Amino acid sequence: MSFYDNIYRAVQRIPRGKVATYGQIAAMAGNGNAARAVGNALHVNPAPGVIPCHRVVNAQGRLAPHFAFGGDEEQRRLLEAEGVEVHDHHVDLAKFQFRSQ
C-alpha cells in the first residue's frame, strides 16, 4: 500500500461534521512530517465523493485556497452542509477538529 493510499484511508476516518489538519492526516497515515504530501495527494484525489478531502484544513483551520474540486467556496459549502461553521474561510478547530485515538 502506498503512502497516498494511507492518506486516503486516514481522510476517510474523518466523520461528517468534523475536520482534520494536513499534519494530523500525515501523522494518521504514518509520517507526521508529510503535511505537504497530504495536500498533493488530496489534489489528485481519485474518488472525491468517497474520500472527503473537503474535511481537511490547515493547522490554523483555514480552508484550502485552491481546493481542487471547486475552490474554497465549494469546500465551505460542503462543510456547512455537514454542520461545520465556517467564518472568514476558517473553521474553529477547538469545536470541529476530529480527535482520533
N, C-alpha and C. Protein backbone atom coordinates (compact mmCIF):
# COMPACT_ATOMS: atom_id res chain seq x y z
N MET A 1 0.85 -1.18 0.00
CA MET A 1 0.00 0.00 0.00
C MET A 1 0.90 1.24 0.00
N SER A 2 0.56 2.22 -0.83
CA SER A 2 1.37 3.43 -0.94
C SER A 2 1.02 4.43 0.16
N PHE A 3 1.89 5.42 0.33
CA PHE A 3 1.63 6.46 1.31
C PHE A 3 0.34 7.22 0.96
N TYR A 4 0.11 7.46 -0.33
CA TYR A 4 -1.12 8.12 -0.75
C TYR A 4 -2.34 7.28 -0.33
N ASP A 5 -2.26 5.97 -0.47
CA ASP A 5 -3.35 5.11 -0.03
C ASP A 5 -3.60 5.27 1.46
N ASN A 6 -2.51 5.36 2.24
CA ASN A 6 -2.64 5.58 3.69
C ASN A 6 -3.30 6.92 3.98
N ILE A 7 -2.96 7.93 3.19
CA ILE A 7 -3.57 9.26 3.35
C ILE A 7 -5.07 9.16 3.09
N TYR A 8 -5.43 8.53 2.00
CA TYR A 8 -6.85 8.43 1.66
C TYR A 8 -7.64 7.66 2.72
N ARG A 9 -7.04 6.62 3.26
CA ARG A 9 -7.70 5.86 4.33
C ARG A 9 -7.88 6.71 5.57
N ALA A 10 -6.86 7.53 5.90
CA ALA A 10 -6.94 8.41 7.06
C ALA A 10 -8.05 9.45 6.87
N VAL A 11 -8.13 10.03 5.68
CA VAL A 11 -9.17 11.04 5.40
C VAL A 11 -10.56 10.43 5.52
N GLN A 12 -10.70 9.18 5.11
CA GLN A 12 -12.00 8.52 5.21
C GLN A 12 -12.43 8.30 6.66
N ARG A 13 -11.52 8.40 7.60
CA ARG A 13 -11.87 8.25 9.02
C ARG A 13 -12.48 9.51 9.62
N ILE A 14 -12.34 10.65 8.95
CA ILE A 14 -12.89 11.90 9.48
C ILE A 14 -14.41 11.84 9.38
N PRO A 15 -15.11 11.92 10.51
CA PRO A 15 -16.57 11.82 10.44
C PRO A 15 -17.22 13.09 9.87
N ARG A 16 -18.39 12.91 9.37
CA ARG A 16 -19.22 14.03 8.90
C ARG A 16 -19.33 15.06 10.04
N GLY A 17 -19.17 16.34 9.71
CA GLY A 17 -19.29 17.39 10.71
C GLY A 17 -18.00 17.69 11.46
N LYS A 18 -16.90 17.06 11.05
CA LYS A 18 -15.60 17.29 11.68
C LYS A 18 -14.57 17.58 10.59
N VAL A 19 -13.44 18.16 11.00
CA VAL A 19 -12.32 18.40 10.09
C VAL A 19 -11.05 17.88 10.73
N ALA A 20 -10.02 17.72 9.91
CA ALA A 20 -8.69 17.36 10.40
C ALA A 20 -7.70 18.23 9.65
N THR A 21 -6.51 18.40 10.22
CA THR A 21 -5.49 19.21 9.57
C THR A 21 -4.61 18.33 8.68
N TYR A 22 -3.91 18.99 7.77
CA TYR A 22 -2.98 18.25 6.90
C TYR A 22 -1.96 17.48 7.74
N GLY A 23 -1.41 18.13 8.77
CA GLY A 23 -0.44 17.47 9.63
C GLY A 23 -1.03 16.30 10.39
N GLN A 24 -2.24 16.45 10.83
CA GLN A 24 -2.93 15.37 11.53
C GLN A 24 -3.12 14.17 10.61
N ILE A 25 -3.52 14.42 9.38
CA ILE A 25 -3.70 13.33 8.41
C ILE A 25 -2.35 12.68 8.12
N ALA A 26 -1.29 13.49 7.98
CA ALA A 26 0.05 12.94 7.75
C ALA A 26 0.43 11.99 8.88
N ALA A 27 0.19 12.40 10.12
CA ALA A 27 0.51 11.55 11.27
C ALA A 27 -0.34 10.27 11.25
N MET A 28 -1.62 10.41 10.95
CA MET A 28 -2.50 9.24 10.90
C MET A 28 -2.07 8.28 9.79
N ALA A 29 -1.45 8.82 8.74
CA ALA A 29 -1.01 8.00 7.60
C ALA A 29 0.38 7.42 7.81
N GLY A 30 1.05 7.82 8.90
CA GLY A 30 2.33 7.21 9.23
C GLY A 30 3.56 8.09 9.09
N ASN A 31 3.39 9.37 8.72
CA ASN A 31 4.53 10.27 8.61
C ASN A 31 4.09 11.69 8.96
N GLY A 32 4.22 12.05 10.23
CA GLY A 32 3.78 13.35 10.71
C GLY A 32 4.47 14.54 10.09
N ASN A 33 5.56 14.31 9.36
CA ASN A 33 6.28 15.40 8.71
C ASN A 33 5.88 15.59 7.25
N ALA A 34 4.83 14.93 6.82
CA ALA A 34 4.48 14.92 5.39
C ALA A 34 3.19 15.67 5.08
N ALA A 35 2.96 16.80 5.75
CA ALA A 35 1.73 17.56 5.52
C ALA A 35 1.61 18.01 4.07
N ARG A 36 2.72 18.39 3.44
CA ARG A 36 2.67 18.80 2.03
C ARG A 36 2.26 17.63 1.13
N ALA A 37 2.74 16.45 1.46
CA ALA A 37 2.35 15.27 0.68
C ALA A 37 0.85 15.02 0.78
N VAL A 38 0.28 15.32 1.95
CA VAL A 38 -1.17 15.17 2.10
C VAL A 38 -1.88 16.11 1.13
N GLY A 39 -1.43 17.36 1.08
CA GLY A 39 -2.03 18.31 0.15
C GLY A 39 -1.91 17.84 -1.29
N ASN A 40 -0.75 17.33 -1.65
CA ASN A 40 -0.55 16.82 -3.01
C ASN A 40 -1.47 15.64 -3.30
N ALA A 41 -1.59 14.73 -2.34
CA ALA A 41 -2.45 13.56 -2.53
C ALA A 41 -3.91 13.98 -2.69
N LEU A 42 -4.35 14.93 -1.87
CA LEU A 42 -5.74 15.34 -1.94
C LEU A 42 -6.05 16.10 -3.23
N HIS A 43 -5.05 16.75 -3.76
CA HIS A 43 -5.25 17.49 -5.02
C HIS A 43 -5.53 16.53 -6.19
N VAL A 44 -5.08 15.29 -6.06
CA VAL A 44 -5.33 14.28 -7.10
C VAL A 44 -6.22 13.15 -6.57
N ASN A 45 -7.06 13.48 -5.61
CA ASN A 45 -7.99 12.54 -5.00
C ASN A 45 -8.73 11.76 -6.10
N PRO A 46 -8.57 10.43 -6.13
CA PRO A 46 -9.19 9.64 -7.19
C PRO A 46 -10.70 9.42 -7.00
N ALA A 47 -11.21 9.72 -5.81
CA ALA A 47 -12.63 9.47 -5.53
C ALA A 47 -13.19 10.53 -4.59
N PRO A 48 -13.37 11.78 -5.08
CA PRO A 48 -13.81 12.87 -4.20
C PRO A 48 -15.12 12.60 -3.47
N GLY A 49 -16.02 11.85 -4.06
CA GLY A 49 -17.28 11.54 -3.37
C GLY A 49 -17.13 10.51 -2.27
N VAL A 50 -16.04 9.77 -2.30
CA VAL A 50 -15.79 8.71 -1.33
C VAL A 50 -14.74 9.13 -0.30
N ILE A 51 -13.73 9.84 -0.77
CA ILE A 51 -12.65 10.33 0.09
C ILE A 51 -12.93 11.81 0.35
N PRO A 52 -13.44 12.15 1.55
CA PRO A 52 -13.95 13.50 1.80
C PRO A 52 -12.84 14.54 2.06
N CYS A 53 -12.11 14.86 1.00
CA CYS A 53 -10.98 15.78 1.14
C CYS A 53 -11.41 17.18 1.58
N HIS A 54 -12.68 17.52 1.42
CA HIS A 54 -13.15 18.83 1.88
C HIS A 54 -13.07 18.97 3.40
N ARG A 55 -12.89 17.87 4.11
CA ARG A 55 -12.80 17.91 5.56
C ARG A 55 -11.39 18.17 6.08
N VAL A 56 -10.46 18.46 5.19
CA VAL A 56 -9.07 18.71 5.59
C VAL A 56 -8.77 20.20 5.44
N VAL A 57 -8.24 20.79 6.53
CA VAL A 57 -7.91 22.21 6.58
C VAL A 57 -6.48 22.37 7.07
N ASN A 58 -5.96 23.60 7.03
CA ASN A 58 -4.59 23.78 7.51
C ASN A 58 -4.55 23.86 9.04
N ALA A 59 -3.36 24.01 9.59
CA ALA A 59 -3.16 23.96 11.04
C ALA A 59 -3.88 25.08 11.79
N GLN A 60 -4.24 26.15 11.10
CA GLN A 60 -4.99 27.24 11.72
C GLN A 60 -6.50 27.13 11.44
N GLY A 61 -6.92 26.07 10.77
CA GLY A 61 -8.32 25.88 10.45
C GLY A 61 -8.74 26.55 9.15
N ARG A 62 -7.79 27.06 8.40
CA ARG A 62 -8.11 27.76 7.15
C ARG A 62 -8.45 26.76 6.04
N LEU A 63 -9.46 27.12 5.24
CA LEU A 63 -9.83 26.31 4.09
C LEU A 63 -8.73 26.35 3.05
N ALA A 64 -8.73 25.38 2.17
CA ALA A 64 -7.74 25.30 1.10
C ALA A 64 -8.06 26.36 0.04
N PRO A 65 -7.18 27.34 -0.18
CA PRO A 65 -7.48 28.38 -1.16
C PRO A 65 -7.59 27.83 -2.58
N HIS A 66 -6.98 26.70 -2.83
CA HIS A 66 -7.02 26.09 -4.16
C HIS A 66 -7.64 24.71 -4.08
N PHE A 67 -8.74 24.58 -3.34
CA PHE A 67 -9.44 23.31 -3.22
C PHE A 67 -9.70 22.77 -4.62
N ALA A 68 -9.18 21.59 -4.88
CA ALA A 68 -9.15 21.05 -6.24
C ALA A 68 -10.52 20.80 -6.85
N PHE A 69 -11.54 20.74 -6.03
CA PHE A 69 -12.85 20.35 -6.55
C PHE A 69 -13.86 21.48 -6.40
N GLY A 70 -13.45 22.69 -6.86
CA GLY A 70 -14.39 23.81 -6.90
C GLY A 70 -13.96 25.03 -6.11
N GLY A 71 -12.75 25.05 -5.57
CA GLY A 71 -12.27 26.21 -4.83
C GLY A 71 -12.77 26.24 -3.40
N ASP A 72 -12.29 27.24 -2.65
CA ASP A 72 -12.61 27.29 -1.22
C ASP A 72 -14.09 27.54 -0.95
N GLU A 73 -14.80 28.18 -1.89
CA GLU A 73 -16.24 28.38 -1.68
C GLU A 73 -16.99 27.05 -1.74
N GLU A 74 -16.54 26.15 -2.60
CA GLU A 74 -17.16 24.82 -2.64
C GLU A 74 -16.80 24.03 -1.38
N GLN A 75 -15.57 24.16 -0.92
CA GLN A 75 -15.18 23.49 0.33
C GLN A 75 -16.05 24.03 1.47
N ARG A 76 -16.24 25.34 1.53
CA ARG A 76 -17.09 25.94 2.56
C ARG A 76 -18.51 25.38 2.47
N ARG A 77 -19.05 25.33 1.26
CA ARG A 77 -20.42 24.84 1.07
C ARG A 77 -20.56 23.40 1.55
N LEU A 78 -19.60 22.55 1.20
CA LEU A 78 -19.64 21.15 1.61
C LEU A 78 -19.54 21.01 3.13
N LEU A 79 -18.66 21.77 3.75
CA LEU A 79 -18.53 21.71 5.21
C LEU A 79 -19.79 22.22 5.91
N GLU A 80 -20.31 23.34 5.45
CA GLU A 80 -21.51 23.88 6.07
C GLU A 80 -22.70 22.94 5.92
N ALA A 81 -22.76 22.21 4.82
CA ALA A 81 -23.83 21.22 4.62
C ALA A 81 -23.75 20.09 5.65
N GLU A 82 -22.57 19.92 6.23
CA GLU A 82 -22.37 18.89 7.26
C GLU A 82 -22.48 19.47 8.67
N GLY A 83 -22.76 20.76 8.77
CA GLY A 83 -22.92 21.38 10.08
C GLY A 83 -21.66 22.06 10.62
N VAL A 84 -20.59 22.11 9.82
CA VAL A 84 -19.36 22.77 10.25
C VAL A 84 -19.51 24.26 9.97
N GLU A 85 -19.27 25.07 10.98
CA GLU A 85 -19.37 26.52 10.83
C GLU A 85 -18.06 27.06 10.25
N VAL A 86 -18.19 27.88 9.21
CA VAL A 86 -17.03 28.49 8.56
C VAL A 86 -17.19 30.00 8.64
N HIS A 87 -16.20 30.66 9.22
CA HIS A 87 -16.21 32.12 9.33
C HIS A 87 -14.93 32.66 8.74
N ASP A 88 -15.06 33.55 7.77
CA ASP A 88 -13.89 34.18 7.14
C ASP A 88 -12.89 33.12 6.66
N HIS A 89 -13.40 32.08 6.02
CA HIS A 89 -12.60 30.99 5.44
C HIS A 89 -11.86 30.16 6.49
N HIS A 90 -12.33 30.19 7.73
CA HIS A 90 -11.71 29.43 8.81
C HIS A 90 -12.75 28.59 9.54
N VAL A 91 -12.29 27.48 10.07
CA VAL A 91 -13.09 26.60 10.92
C VAL A 91 -12.49 26.66 12.32
N ASP A 92 -13.33 26.70 13.33
CA ASP A 92 -12.88 26.70 14.72
C ASP A 92 -12.44 25.27 15.07
N LEU A 93 -11.13 25.06 15.13
CA LEU A 93 -10.61 23.71 15.39
C LEU A 93 -10.98 23.23 16.79
N ALA A 94 -11.08 24.13 17.75
CA ALA A 94 -11.45 23.71 19.10
C ALA A 94 -12.83 23.06 19.11
N LYS A 95 -13.68 23.48 18.21
CA LYS A 95 -15.05 22.98 18.16
C LYS A 95 -15.24 21.85 17.16
N PHE A 96 -14.53 21.89 16.02
CA PHE A 96 -14.83 20.95 14.93
C PHE A 96 -13.73 19.97 14.57
N GLN A 97 -12.57 20.04 15.24
CA GLN A 97 -11.48 19.14 14.86
C GLN A 97 -11.76 17.71 15.32
N PHE A 98 -11.55 16.78 14.41
CA PHE A 98 -11.66 15.35 14.69
C PHE A 98 -10.52 14.96 15.61
N ARG A 99 -10.83 14.26 16.66
CA ARG A 99 -9.82 13.77 17.61
C ARG A 99 -9.73 12.27 17.47
N SER A 100 -8.71 11.83 16.73
CA SER A 100 -8.54 10.39 16.54
C SER A 100 -7.87 9.79 17.76
N GLN A 101 -8.06 8.50 17.94
CA GLN A 101 -7.46 7.83 19.09
C GLN A 101 -5.98 7.68 18.91
